[in-house]
C-alpha atoms as a PDB file:
ATOM      1  CA  UNK A   1       0.011   0.007  -0.012  1.00  0.00           C
ATOM      2  CA  UNK A   2       2.770   2.453   0.885  1.00  0.00           C
ATOM      3  CA  UNK A   3       3.872   4.719  -1.905  1.00  0.00           C
ATOM      4  CA  UNK A   4       6.426   7.501  -1.524  1.00  0.00           C
ATOM      5  CA  UNK A   5       6.634  10.147  -4.315  1.00  0.00           C
ATOM      6  CA  UNK A   6       9.948  10.129  -6.118  1.00  0.00           C
ATOM      7  CA  UNK A   7      12.231  13.084  -6.750  1.00  0.00           C
ATOM      8  CA  UNK A   8      10.849  15.686  -9.066  1.00  0.00           C
ATOM      9  CA  UNK A   9      12.336  18.277 -11.352  1.00  0.00           C
ATOM     10  CA  UNK A  10      12.552  22.001 -10.817  1.00  0.00           C
ATOM     11  CA  UNK A  11      10.584  22.519 -14.017  1.00  0.00           C
ATOM     12  CA  UNK A  12       7.710  20.508 -12.577  1.00  0.00           C
ATOM     13  CA  UNK A  13       8.051  22.378  -9.358  1.00  0.00           C
ATOM     14  CA  UNK A  14       7.694  25.638 -11.163  1.00  0.00           C
ATOM     15  CA  UNK A  15       4.705  24.429 -13.070  1.00  0.00           C
ATOM     16  CA  UNK A  16       2.977  23.370  -9.854  1.00  0.00           C
ATOM     17  CA  UNK A  17       3.709  26.350  -7.553  1.00  0.00           C
ATOM     18  CA  UNK A  18       4.915  29.328  -9.555  1.00  0.00           C
ATOM     19  CA  UNK A  19       1.598  31.067  -9.249  1.00  0.00           C
ATOM     20  CA  UNK A  20       0.719  30.185  -5.595  1.00  0.00           C
ATOM     21  CA  UNK A  21       4.186  31.081  -4.363  1.00  0.00           C
ATOM     22  CA  UNK A  22       4.588  34.066  -6.706  1.00  0.00           C
ATOM     23  CA  UNK A  23       7.802  32.693  -8.137  1.00  0.00           C
ATOM     24  CA  UNK A  24       9.356  33.995 -11.339  1.00  0.00           C
ATOM     25  CA  UNK A  25      12.636  33.423 -13.133  1.00  0.00           C
ATOM     26  CA  UNK A  26      15.448  35.874 -12.231  1.00  0.00           C
ATOM     27  CA  UNK A  27      18.031  33.963 -14.295  1.00  0.00           C
ATOM     28  CA  UNK A  28      17.847  32.250 -17.691  1.00  0.00           C
ATOM     29  CA  UNK A  29      17.325  28.632 -16.782  1.00  0.00           C
ATOM     30  CA  UNK A  30      13.971  27.108 -15.911  1.00  0.00           C
ATOM     31  CA  UNK A  31      15.194  23.585 -15.213  1.00  0.00           C
ATOM     32  CA  UNK A  32      18.090  22.056 -13.233  1.00  0.00           C
ATOM     33  CA  UNK A  33      20.335  19.038 -13.677  1.00  0.00           C
ATOM     34  CA  UNK A  34      19.594  18.324 -10.018  1.00  0.00           C
ATOM     35  CA  UNK A  35      16.157  17.144  -8.983  1.00  0.00           C
ATOM     36  CA  UNK A  36      14.420  18.190  -5.735  1.00  0.00           C
ATOM     37  CA  UNK A  37      14.936  15.265  -3.363  1.00  0.00           C
ATOM     38  CA  UNK A  38      14.131  16.598   0.081  1.00  0.00           C
ATOM     39  CA  UNK A  39      11.139  18.288   1.697  1.00  0.00           C
ATOM     40  CA  UNK A  40      13.337  20.778   3.665  1.00  0.00           C
ATOM     41  CA  UNK A  41      14.815  24.009   2.454  1.00  0.00           C
ATOM     42  CA  UNK A  42      18.066  25.677   3.427  1.00  0.00           C
ATOM     43  CA  UNK A  43      19.229  29.223   4.125  1.00  0.00           C
ATOM     44  CA  UNK A  44      22.937  29.144   3.282  1.00  0.00           C
ATOM     45  CA  UNK A  45      24.184  32.010   5.417  1.00  0.00           C
ATOM     46  CA  UNK A  46      27.213  30.082   6.737  1.00  0.00           C
ATOM     47  CA  UNK A  47      28.055  28.861   3.247  1.00  0.00           C
ATOM     48  CA  UNK A  48      28.383  32.464   1.996  1.00  0.00           C
ATOM     49  CA  UNK A  49      30.891  33.132   4.677  1.00  0.00           C
ATOM     50  CA  UNK A  50      33.039  30.222   3.533  1.00  0.00           C
ATOM     51  CA  UNK A  51      31.941  27.531   6.013  1.00  0.00           C
ATOM     52  CA  UNK A  52      30.909  24.794   3.615  1.00  0.00           C
ATOM     53  CA  UNK A  53      31.572  21.674   5.671  1.00  0.00           C
ATOM     54  CA  UNK A  54      27.846  21.204   6.597  1.00  0.00           C
ATOM     55  CA  UNK A  55      26.451  22.530   3.297  1.00  0.00           C
ATOM     56  CA  UNK A  56      23.034  21.008   2.716  1.00  0.00           C
ATOM     57  CA  UNK A  57      23.322  21.337  -1.041  1.00  0.00           C
ATOM     58  CA  UNK A  58      20.556  18.784  -1.784  1.00  0.00           C
ATOM     59  CA  UNK A  59      17.907  21.234  -0.592  1.00  0.00           C
ATOM     60  CA  UNK A  60      16.384  24.273  -2.245  1.00  0.00           C
ATOM     61  CA  UNK A  61      18.535  27.315  -1.268  1.00  0.00           C
ATOM     62  CA  UNK A  62      16.679  30.411  -0.068  1.00  0.00           C
ATOM     63  CA  UNK A  63      18.430  33.759   0.170  1.00  0.00           C
ATOM     64  CA  UNK A  64      16.511  36.035   2.472  1.00  0.00           C
ATOM     65  CA  UNK A  65      17.068  39.617   3.710  1.00  0.00           C
ATOM     66  CA  UNK A  66      19.915  38.594   6.056  1.00  0.00           C
ATOM     67  CA  UNK A  67      21.884  36.658   3.428  1.00  0.00           C
ATOM     68  CA  UNK A  68      21.393  39.357   0.783  1.00  0.00           C
ATOM     69  CA  UNK A  69      22.390  42.143   3.143  1.00  0.00           C
ATOM     70  CA  UNK A  70      25.593  40.243   3.881  1.00  0.00           C
ATOM     71  CA  UNK A  71      26.455  40.018   0.165  1.00  0.00           C
ATOM     72  CA  UNK A  72      25.760  43.708  -0.446  1.00  0.00           C
ATOM     73  CA  UNK A  73      28.361  44.698   2.213  1.00  0.00           C
ATOM     74  CA  UNK A  74      31.114  42.791   0.468  1.00  0.00           C
ATOM     75  CA  UNK A  75      33.482  44.111  -2.155  1.00  0.00           C
ATOM     76  CA  UNK A  76      32.938  42.919  -5.702  1.00  0.00           C
ATOM     77  CA  UNK A  77      35.838  40.389  -5.426  1.00  0.00           C
ATOM     78  CA  UNK A  78      34.612  39.050  -2.034  1.00  0.00           C
ATOM     79  CA  UNK A  79      31.006  38.863  -3.369  1.00  0.00           C
ATOM     80  CA  UNK A  80      32.233  36.692  -6.247  1.00  0.00           C
ATOM     81  CA  UNK A  81      33.892  34.340  -3.836  1.00  0.00           C
ATOM     82  CA  UNK A  82      30.979  34.175  -1.473  1.00  0.00           C
ATOM     83  CA  UNK A  83      28.500  33.416  -4.250  1.00  0.00           C
ATOM     84  CA  UNK A  84      30.876  30.801  -5.698  1.00  0.00           C
ATOM     85  CA  UNK A  85      30.501  28.909  -2.477  1.00  0.00           C
ATOM     86  CA  UNK A  86      26.869  28.244  -3.270  1.00  0.00           C
ATOM     87  CA  UNK A  87      27.938  26.272  -6.366  1.00  0.00           C
ATOM     88  CA  UNK A  88      30.697  24.097  -4.985  1.00  0.00           C
ATOM     89  CA  UNK A  89      28.177  21.300  -5.007  1.00  0.00           C
ATOM     90  CA  UNK A  90      25.077  20.873  -7.272  1.00  0.00           C
ATOM     91  CA  UNK A  91      21.888  22.457  -5.924  1.00  0.00           C
ATOM     92  CA  UNK A  92      18.330  22.186  -7.264  1.00  0.00           C
ATOM     93  CA  UNK A  93      17.673  25.903  -7.428  1.00  0.00           C
ATOM     94  CA  UNK A  94      18.182  29.180  -5.537  1.00  0.00           C
ATOM     95  CA  UNK A  95      15.324  31.476  -4.538  1.00  0.00           C
ATOM     96  CA  UNK A  96      15.683  35.112  -3.609  1.00  0.00           C
ATOM     97  CA  UNK A  97      12.856  36.431  -1.398  1.00  0.00           C
ATOM     98  CA  UNK A  98      11.439  39.852  -0.405  1.00  0.00           C
ATOM     99  CA  UNK A  99      11.392  41.093  -3.981  1.00  0.00           C
ATOM    100  CA  UNK A 100      15.205  41.666  -3.870  1.00  0.00           C
ATOM    101  CA  UNK A 101      16.842  42.016  -7.284  1.00  0.00           C
ATOM    102  CA  UNK A 102      19.507  39.400  -7.653  1.00  0.00           C
ATOM    103  CA  UNK A 103      22.998  40.927  -8.253  1.00  0.00           C
ATOM    104  CA  UNK A 104      24.764  40.469 -11.571  1.00  0.00           C
ATOM    105  CA  UNK A 105      27.330  38.065 -10.053  1.00  0.00           C
ATOM    106  CA  UNK A 106      24.587  35.670  -8.757  1.00  0.00           C
ATOM    107  CA  UNK A 107      22.725  35.664 -12.043  1.00  0.00           C
ATOM    108  CA  UNK A 108      25.866  34.993 -14.013  1.00  0.00           C
ATOM    109  CA  UNK A 109      27.208  32.223 -11.817  1.00  0.00           C
ATOM    110  CA  UNK A 110      23.786  30.475 -11.677  1.00  0.00           C
ATOM    111  CA  UNK A 111      23.634  30.526 -15.485  1.00  0.00           C
ATOM    112  CA  UNK A 112      27.142  29.218 -15.743  1.00  0.00           C
ATOM    113  CA  UNK A 113      26.356  26.237 -13.562  1.00  0.00           C
ATOM    114  CA  UNK A 114      22.948  25.634 -15.158  1.00  0.00           C
ATOM    115  CA  UNK A 115      21.063  26.286 -11.918  1.00  0.00           C
ATOM    116  CA  UNK A 116      17.679  28.070 -12.011  1.00  0.00           C
ATOM    117  CA  UNK A 117      17.623  31.410 -10.114  1.00  0.00           C
ATOM    118  CA  UNK A 118      14.134  32.351  -8.923  1.00  0.00           C
ATOM    119  CA  UNK A 119      12.673  35.286  -7.024  1.00  0.00           C
ATOM    120  CA  UNK A 120       9.486  36.044  -5.072  1.00  0.00           C
ATOM    121  CA  UNK A 121       7.926  39.178  -3.591  1.00  0.00           C
ATOM    122  CA  UNK A 122       7.021  37.322  -0.413  1.00  0.00           C
ATOM    123  CA  UNK A 123       8.793  37.791   2.896  1.00  0.00           C
ATOM    124  CA  UNK A 124      11.227  35.076   3.790  1.00  0.00           C
ATOM    125  CA  UNK A 125       9.608  33.319   6.787  1.00  0.00           C
ATOM    126  CA  UNK A 126       6.046  33.081   5.385  1.00  0.00           C
ATOM    127  CA  UNK A 127       7.504  31.940   2.029  1.00  0.00           C
ATOM    128  CA  UNK A 128       9.557  29.161   3.650  1.00  0.00           C
ATOM    129  CA  UNK A 129       6.575  28.096   5.621  1.00  0.00           C
ATOM    130  CA  UNK A 130       4.385  27.760   2.484  1.00  0.00           C
ATOM    131  CA  UNK A 131       7.172  26.099   0.508  1.00  0.00           C
ATOM    132  CA  UNK A 132       7.979  23.607   3.259  1.00  0.00           C
ATOM    133  CA  UNK A 133       4.320  22.753   3.576  1.00  0.00           C
ATOM    134  CA  UNK A 134       4.053  22.046  -0.164  1.00  0.00           C
ATOM    135  CA  UNK A 135       7.214  19.878  -0.147  1.00  0.00           C
ATOM    136  CA  UNK A 136       6.108  17.971   2.915  1.00  0.00           C
ATOM    137  CA  UNK A 137       2.807  17.166   1.224  1.00  0.00           C
ATOM    138  CA  UNK A 138       4.547  16.100  -1.974  1.00  0.00           C
ATOM    139  CA  UNK A 139       6.995  13.782  -0.300  1.00  0.00           C
ATOM    140  CA  UNK A 140       4.534  12.304   2.186  1.00  0.00           C
ATOM    141  CA  UNK A 141       3.888   8.536   1.943  1.00  0.00           C
ATOM    142  CA  UNK A 142       0.651   7.786   0.161  1.00  0.00           C
ATOM    143  CA  UNK A 143      -1.625   4.862  -0.538  1.00  0.00           C
ATOM    144  CA  UNK A 144      -5.246   3.810  -1.190  1.00  0.00           C
ATOM    145  CA  UNK A 145      -7.643   1.468   0.527  1.00  0.00           C
ATOM    146  CA  UNK A 146     -11.029   0.094  -0.481  1.00  0.00           C
ATOM    147  CA  UNK A 147     -13.605   1.317   2.051  1.00  0.00           C
ATOM    148  CA  UNK A 148     -15.744   4.209   3.184  1.00  0.00           C
ATOM    149  CA  UNK A 149     -14.643   7.163   5.284  1.00  0.00           C
ATOM    150  CA  UNK A 150     -17.171   9.133   7.336  1.00  0.00           C
ATOM    151  CA  UNK A 151     -16.773  12.001   9.816  1.00  0.00           C
ATOM    152  CA  UNK A 152     -18.898  10.900  12.757  1.00  0.00           C
ATOM    153  CA  UNK A 153     -19.133  13.441  15.612  1.00  0.00           C
ATOM    154  CA  UNK A 154     -15.724  14.751  14.435  1.00  0.00           C
ATOM    155  CA  UNK A 155     -14.123  11.343  14.468  1.00  0.00           C
ATOM    156  CA  UNK A 156     -12.898   9.900  11.201  1.00  0.00           C
ATOM    157  CA  UNK A 157     -14.252   6.312  10.928  1.00  0.00           C
ATOM    158  CA  UNK A 158     -12.853   4.149   8.158  1.00  0.00           C
ATOM    159  CA  UNK A 159     -15.205   1.312   7.280  1.00  0.00           C
ATOM    160  CA  UNK A 160     -13.449  -1.655   5.755  1.00  0.00           C
ATOM    161  CA  UNK A 161     -14.438  -5.260   4.902  1.00  0.00           C
ATOM    162  CA  UNK A 162     -15.079  -7.496   1.953  1.00  0.00           C
ATOM    163  CA  UNK A 163     -16.954  -6.310  -1.088  1.00  0.00           C
ATOM    164  CA  UNK A 164     -20.699  -6.311  -0.594  1.00  0.00           C
ATOM    165  CA  UNK A 165     -20.618  -6.359   3.170  1.00  0.00           C
ATOM    166  CA  UNK A 166     -22.494  -3.027   3.336  1.00  0.00           C
ATOM    167  CA  UNK A 167     -19.886  -0.376   3.827  1.00  0.00           C
ATOM    168  CA  UNK A 168     -21.539   2.107   1.551  1.00  0.00           C
ATOM    169  CA  UNK A 169     -24.994   1.498   3.078  1.00  0.00           C
ATOM    170  CA  UNK A 170     -23.622   2.198   6.546  1.00  0.00           C
ATOM    171  CA  UNK A 171     -21.985   5.392   5.284  1.00  0.00           C
ATOM    172  CA  UNK A 172     -25.224   6.529   3.603  1.00  0.00           C
ATOM    173  CA  UNK A 173     -27.228   5.868   6.740  1.00  0.00           C
ATOM    174  CA  UNK A 174     -24.743   7.898   8.738  1.00  0.00           C
ATOM    175  CA  UNK A 175     -24.998  10.767   6.275  1.00  0.00           C
ATOM    176  CA  UNK A 176     -28.826  10.644   6.575  1.00  0.00           C
ATOM    177  CA  UNK A 177     -28.394  11.003  10.323  1.00  0.00           C
ATOM    178  CA  UNK A 178     -26.390  14.196   9.939  1.00  0.00           C
ATOM    179  CA  UNK A 179     -22.798  12.956   9.633  1.00  0.00           C
ATOM    180  CA  UNK A 180     -20.463  13.808   6.798  1.00  0.00           C
ATOM    181  CA  UNK A 181     -19.153  11.620   3.973  1.00  0.00           C
ATOM    182  CA  UNK A 182     -15.504  12.000   3.071  1.00  0.00           C
ATOM    183  CA  UNK A 183     -15.000   9.137   0.583  1.00  0.00           C
ATOM    184  CA  UNK A 184     -16.670   6.002  -0.614  1.00  0.00           C
ATOM    185  CA  UNK A 185     -15.207   2.946  -2.387  1.00  0.00           C
ATOM    186  CA  UNK A 186     -11.751   4.414  -2.878  1.00  0.00           C
ATOM    187  CA  UNK A 187     -10.040   6.260   0.005  1.00  0.00           C
ATOM    188  CA  UNK A 188      -6.758   8.013  -0.796  1.00  0.00           C
ATOM    189  CA  UNK A 189      -4.373   8.108   2.161  1.00  0.00           C
ATOM    190  CA  UNK A 190      -1.568  10.488   3.025  1.00  0.00           C
ATOM    191  CA  UNK A 191       0.736  10.357   6.067  1.00  0.00           C
ATOM    192  CA  UNK A 192       1.318  13.709   7.771  1.00  0.00           C
ATOM    193  CA  UNK A 193       4.191  13.728  10.263  1.00  0.00           C
ATOM    194  CA  UNK A 194       4.780  10.667  12.358  1.00  0.00           C
ATOM    195  CA  UNK A 195       1.261   9.806  13.498  1.00  0.00           C
ATOM    196  CA  UNK A 196      -1.427  11.544  11.458  1.00  0.00           C
ATOM    197  CA  UNK A 197      -3.239   9.669   8.664  1.00  0.00           C
ATOM    198  CA  UNK A 198      -5.400  11.778   6.331  1.00  0.00           C
ATOM    199  CA  UNK A 199      -8.086  10.277   4.086  1.00  0.00           C
ATOM    200  CA  UNK A 200      -9.455  11.953   0.965  1.00  0.00           C
ATOM    201  CA  UNK A 201     -11.941  11.064  -1.735  1.00  0.00           C
ATOM    202  CA  UNK A 202     -11.071  10.313  -5.358  1.00  0.00           C
ATOM    203  CA  UNK A 203     -11.116  13.358  -7.685  1.00  0.00           C
ATOM    204  CA  UNK A 204     -12.950  11.384 -10.227  1.00  0.00           C
ATOM    205  CA  UNK A 205     -15.565   9.719  -8.012  1.00  0.00           C
ATOM    206  CA  UNK A 206     -15.993  12.789  -5.809  1.00  0.00           C
ATOM    207  CA  UNK A 207     -19.034  12.165  -3.516  1.00  0.00           C
ATOM    208  CA  UNK A 208     -20.905   9.676  -5.649  1.00  0.00           C
ATOM    209  CA  UNK A 209     -21.921   6.339  -4.073  1.00  0.00           C
ATOM    210  CA  UNK A 210     -22.907   3.066  -5.505  1.00  0.00           C
ATOM    211  CA  UNK A 211     -25.737   1.401  -3.623  1.00  0.00           C
ATOM    212  CA  UNK A 212     -26.468  -2.162  -4.758  1.00  0.00           C
ATOM    213  CA  UNK A 213     -30.035  -2.415  -6.043  1.00  0.00           C
ATOM    214  CA  UNK A 214     -30.410   1.375  -6.339  1.00  0.00           C
ATOM    215  CA  UNK A 215     -27.423   2.454  -8.462  1.00  0.00           C
ATOM    216  CA  UNK A 216     -25.270   5.538  -8.211  1.00  0.00           C
ATOM    217  CA  UNK A 217     -26.358   8.462  -6.020  1.00  0.00           C
ATOM    218  CA  UNK A 218     -24.879  11.977  -5.534  1.00  0.00           C
ATOM    219  CA  UNK A 219     -24.551  12.611  -1.833  1.00  0.00           C
ATOM    220  CA  UNK A 220     -23.779  16.265  -2.224  1.00  0.00           C
ATOM    221  CA  UNK A 221     -26.773  17.019  -4.382  1.00  0.00           C
ATOM    222  CA  UNK A 222     -29.082  14.725  -2.345  1.00  0.00           C
ATOM    223  CA  UNK A 223     -28.192  15.905   1.148  1.00  0.00           C
ATOM    224  CA  UNK A 224     -26.427  19.245   0.640  1.00  0.00           C
ATOM    225  CA  UNK A 225     -22.953  20.640   1.012  1.00  0.00           C
ATOM    226  CA  UNK A 226     -23.010  20.091   4.837  1.00  0.00           C
ATOM    227  CA  UNK A 227     -23.192  16.329   4.301  1.00  0.00           C
ATOM    228  CA  UNK A 228     -19.676  16.068   2.756  1.00  0.00           C
ATOM    229  CA  UNK A 229     -16.157  17.102   3.478  1.00  0.00           C
ATOM    230  CA  UNK A 230     -12.974  17.069   1.368  1.00  0.00           C
ATOM    231  CA  UNK A 231     -10.620  15.250   3.764  1.00  0.00           C
ATOM    232  CA  UNK A 232     -10.530  13.962   7.339  1.00  0.00           C
ATOM    233  CA  UNK A 233      -8.023  12.467   9.720  1.00  0.00           C
ATOM    234  CA  UNK A 234      -8.577   8.696  10.043  1.00  0.00           C
ATOM    235  CA  UNK A 235      -8.821   7.785  13.776  1.00  0.00           C
ATOM    236  CA  UNK A 236     -10.560   4.397  13.990  1.00  0.00           C
ATOM    237  CA  UNK A 237     -10.951   1.512  11.552  1.00  0.00           C
ATOM    238  CA  UNK A 238     -14.260  -0.255  11.759  1.00  0.00           C
ATOM    239  CA  UNK A 239     -13.860  -3.583  10.065  1.00  0.00           C
ATOM    240  CA  UNK A 240     -17.149  -5.200   9.003  1.00  0.00           C
ATOM    241  CA  UNK A 241     -17.497  -8.980   8.647  1.00  0.00           C
ATOM    242  CA  UNK A 242     -20.273 -11.546   8.497  1.00  0.00           C
ATOM    243  CA  UNK A 243     -21.062 -13.146  11.893  1.00  0.00           C
ATOM    244  CA  UNK A 244     -19.073 -16.337  12.348  1.00  0.00           C
ATOM    245  CA  UNK A 245     -20.565 -18.819  14.720  1.00  0.00           C
ATOM    246  CA  UNK A 246     -18.094 -19.880  17.404  1.00  0.00           C
ATOM    247  CA  UNK A 247     -15.649 -17.010  16.757  1.00  0.00           C
ATOM    248  CA  UNK A 248     -14.700 -14.934  19.779  1.00  0.00           C
ATOM    249  CA  UNK A 249     -15.737 -11.257  19.604  1.00  0.00           C
ATOM    250  CA  UNK A 250     -14.626  -8.765  22.248  1.00  0.00           C
ATOM    251  CA  UNK A 251     -17.459  -7.980  24.686  1.00  0.00           C
ATOM    252  CA  UNK A 252     -15.676  -5.921  27.290  1.00  0.00           C
ATOM    253  CA  UNK A 253     -13.527  -3.455  25.261  1.00  0.00           C
ATOM    254  CA  UNK A 254     -10.432  -4.435  27.267  1.00  0.00           C
ATOM    255  CA  UNK A 255      -8.769  -6.195  24.324  1.00  0.00           C
ATOM    256  CA  UNK A 256      -7.342  -3.458  22.122  1.00  0.00           C
ATOM    257  CA  UNK A 257      -6.777  -4.133  18.491  1.00  0.00           C
ATOM    258  CA  UNK A 258      -4.976  -1.893  16.081  1.00  0.00           C
ATOM    259  CA  UNK A 259      -4.392  -1.576  12.334  1.00  0.00           C
ATOM    260  CA  UNK A 260      -1.144  -0.336  10.769  1.00  0.00           C
ATOM    261  CA  UNK A 261      -1.624   1.862   7.760  1.00  0.00           C
ATOM    262  CA  UNK A 262       1.302   3.558   6.133  1.00  0.00           C
ATOM    263  CA  UNK A 263       3.292   2.873   9.305  1.00  0.00           C
ATOM    264  CA  UNK A 264       0.693   4.472  11.628  1.00  0.00           C
ATOM    265  CA  UNK A 265      -1.188   2.406  14.187  1.00  0.00           C
ATOM    266  CA  UNK A 266      -4.801   3.286  14.723  1.00  0.00           C
ATOM    267  CA  UNK A 267      -7.512   1.588  16.867  1.00  0.00           C
ATOM    268  CA  UNK A 268      -9.475  -1.160  15.080  1.00  0.00           C
ATOM    269  CA  UNK A 269     -13.020  -2.395  15.994  1.00  0.00           C
ATOM    270  CA  UNK A 270     -14.091  -5.740  14.495  1.00  0.00           C
ATOM    271  CA  UNK A 271     -17.840  -5.495  14.013  1.00  0.00           C
ATOM    272  CA  UNK A 272     -19.785  -8.660  13.085  1.00  0.00           C
ATOM    273  CA  UNK A 273     -22.822  -8.279  10.870  1.00  0.00           C
ATOM    274  CA  UNK A 274     -26.064 -10.220  11.495  1.00  0.00           C
ATOM    275  CA  UNK A 275     -29.713  -9.481  11.025  1.00  0.00           C
ATOM    276  CA  UNK A 276     -31.274  -7.025  13.426  1.00  0.00           C
ATOM    277  CA  UNK A 277     -28.030  -5.370  14.391  1.00  0.00           C
ATOM    278  CA  UNK A 278     -28.107  -1.551  14.102  1.00  0.00           C
ATOM    279  CA  UNK A 279     -24.671  -0.916  12.692  1.00  0.00           C
ATOM    280  CA  UNK A 280     -25.267   2.869  12.324  1.00  0.00           C
ATOM    281  CA  UNK A 281     -25.981   3.360  16.011  1.00  0.00           C
ATOM    282  CA  UNK A 282     -23.058   1.220  16.905  1.00  0.00           C
ATOM    283  CA  UNK A 283     -20.840   3.321  14.603  1.00  0.00           C
ATOM    284  CA  UNK A 284     -21.939   6.419  16.428  1.00  0.00           C
ATOM    285  CA  UNK A 285     -21.192   4.753  19.732  1.00  0.00           C
ATOM    286  CA  UNK A 286     -17.651   3.784  18.553  1.00  0.00           C
ATOM    287  CA  UNK A 287     -17.032   7.443  17.631  1.00  0.00           C
ATOM    288  CA  UNK A 288     -18.251   8.811  20.961  1.00  0.00           C
ATOM    289  CA  UNK A 289     -16.357   6.074  22.898  1.00  0.00           C
ATOM    290  CA  UNK A 290     -13.229   7.105  21.048  1.00  0.00           C
ATOM    291  CA  UNK A 291     -13.744  10.709  22.075  1.00  0.00           C
ATOM    292  CA  UNK A 292     -14.133   9.743  25.669  1.00  0.00           C
ATOM    293  CA  UNK A 293     -10.824   7.901  25.500  1.00  0.00           C
ATOM    294  CA  UNK A 294      -9.167  10.973  24.006  1.00  0.00           C
ATOM    295  CA  UNK A 295     -10.389  12.984  26.981  1.00  0.00           C
ATOM    296  CA  UNK A 296      -8.981  10.392  29.369  1.00  0.00           C
ATOM    297  CA  UNK A 297     -12.019   8.316  30.211  1.00  0.00           C
ATOM    298  CA  UNK A 298     -11.939   4.594  29.177  1.00  0.00           C
ATOM    299  CA  UNK A 299     -15.379   3.152  29.965  1.00  0.00           C
ATOM    300  CA  UNK A 300     -14.211  -0.490  29.735  1.00  0.00           C
ATOM    301  CA  UNK A 301     -11.345   0.044  32.215  1.00  0.00           C
ATOM    302  CA  UNK A 302     -13.604   2.077  34.517  1.00  0.00           C
ATOM    303  CA  UNK A 303     -16.248  -0.700  34.507  1.00  0.00           C
ATOM    304  CA  UNK A 304     -13.554  -3.343  35.136  1.00  0.00           C
ATOM    305  CA  UNK A 305     -12.116  -1.283  38.054  1.00  0.00           C
ATOM    306  CA  UNK A 306     -15.557  -0.859  39.603  1.00  0.00           C
ATOM    307  CA  UNK A 307     -16.252  -4.570  39.437  1.00  0.00           C
ATOM    308  CA  UNK A 308     -12.919  -5.331  41.093  1.00  0.00           C
ATOM    309  CA  UNK A 309     -13.495  -2.779  43.797  1.00  0.00           C
ATOM    310  CA  UNK A 310     -17.009  -4.122  44.417  1.00  0.00           C
ATOM    311  CA  UNK A 311     -15.812  -7.642  44.761  1.00  0.00           C
ATOM    312  CA  UNK A 312     -13.121  -6.592  47.185  1.00  0.00           C
ATOM    313  CA  UNK A 313     -15.596  -4.474  49.184  1.00  0.00           C
ATOM    314  CA  UNK A 314     -18.139  -7.300  49.435  1.00  0.00           C
ATOM    315  CA  UNK A 315     -15.447  -9.639  50.787  1.00  0.00           C
ATOM    316  CA  UNK A 316     -14.560  -7.170  53.545  1.00  0.00           C
ATOM    317  CA  UNK A 317     -18.238  -6.629  54.495  1.00  0.00           C
ATOM    318  CA  UNK A 318     -18.934 -10.347  54.849  1.00  0.00           C
ATOM    319  CA  UNK A 319     -15.889 -10.862  57.078  1.00  0.00           C
ATOM    320  CA  UNK A 320     -16.975  -8.032  59.372  1.00  0.00           C
ATOM    321  CA  UNK A 321     -20.480  -9.413  59.558  1.00  0.00           C
ATOM    322  CA  UNK A 322     -19.158 -12.844  60.437  1.00  0.00           C
ATOM    323  CA  UNK A 323     -16.979 -11.427  63.233  1.00  0.00           C
ATOM    324  CA  UNK A 324     -19.844  -9.385  64.700  1.00  0.00           C
ATOM    325  CA  UNK A 325     -22.106 -12.479  64.901  1.00  0.00           C
ATOM    326  CA  UNK A 326     -19.326 -14.643  66.358  1.00  0.00           C
ATOM    327  CA  UNK A 327     -20.084 -14.844  70.057  1.00  0.00           C
ATOM    328  CA  UNK A 328     -17.060 -17.044  70.978  1.00  0.00           C
END
């Protein structure tokens, strides 16, 4: 399932984000011999001073106000040497922020090494924040699963199970009760950070659903814009399966099961299907129970503790009663 996006070219990078990040060419090259390989960016202030031992040349290089002010204070000869330090190793591209006009030496050396030189009117810190967010999203592990994703009371429930088990029907019933559909049939996954799993719908399928015996329905048109959402964090997997006689199903909630998706573990609830079982209400209960656990209250553990304390208390009471009635 796990898919990690490969390196991508500076030309593709420009096509994707030139407008949103207000990037424009300041040199004469729009592509680089070096692909973008990392989601982080670098501000090479120390490199300009000559300290190149820790030069993170694989990253996009950003020259902000501080770096450019340093260059402007140098003599023409020292500026040439400082800029040359940027090109001692191949870099994907160099971006000058704050609307600063790149000096002639920087433009010339970038062209000589075949490295794209870009500029933006944006201030350095907000620009780096936006650029890093885009790169982190691009390089995030991705995948797809077959199932339905519904936002139930703010909790992302991923319904999985064999084809025909009723995932879409459960999702539709939840939408009718006021919850929000994120995706049906195909759920696209993206890993954010170390422990956040985001689910999205398919761009082609959008919020259409196939209901066996009925056909394809448009949830957005049928229930309104409030019945859908574009993406949602997946917090619990609800795995549906047909009831199997003799199989053990957890009845206390003390046995925790988890699923691992894209390297992230999330709670899993195995839900057997049989006639007369209200899966929709149970799904709502799963969501509310999960929220209770987030707020530090585990009903199963609390119930188990109360039983244990009650048994211990009864034993003490019986011993005291026996001693009071013992006349010897």
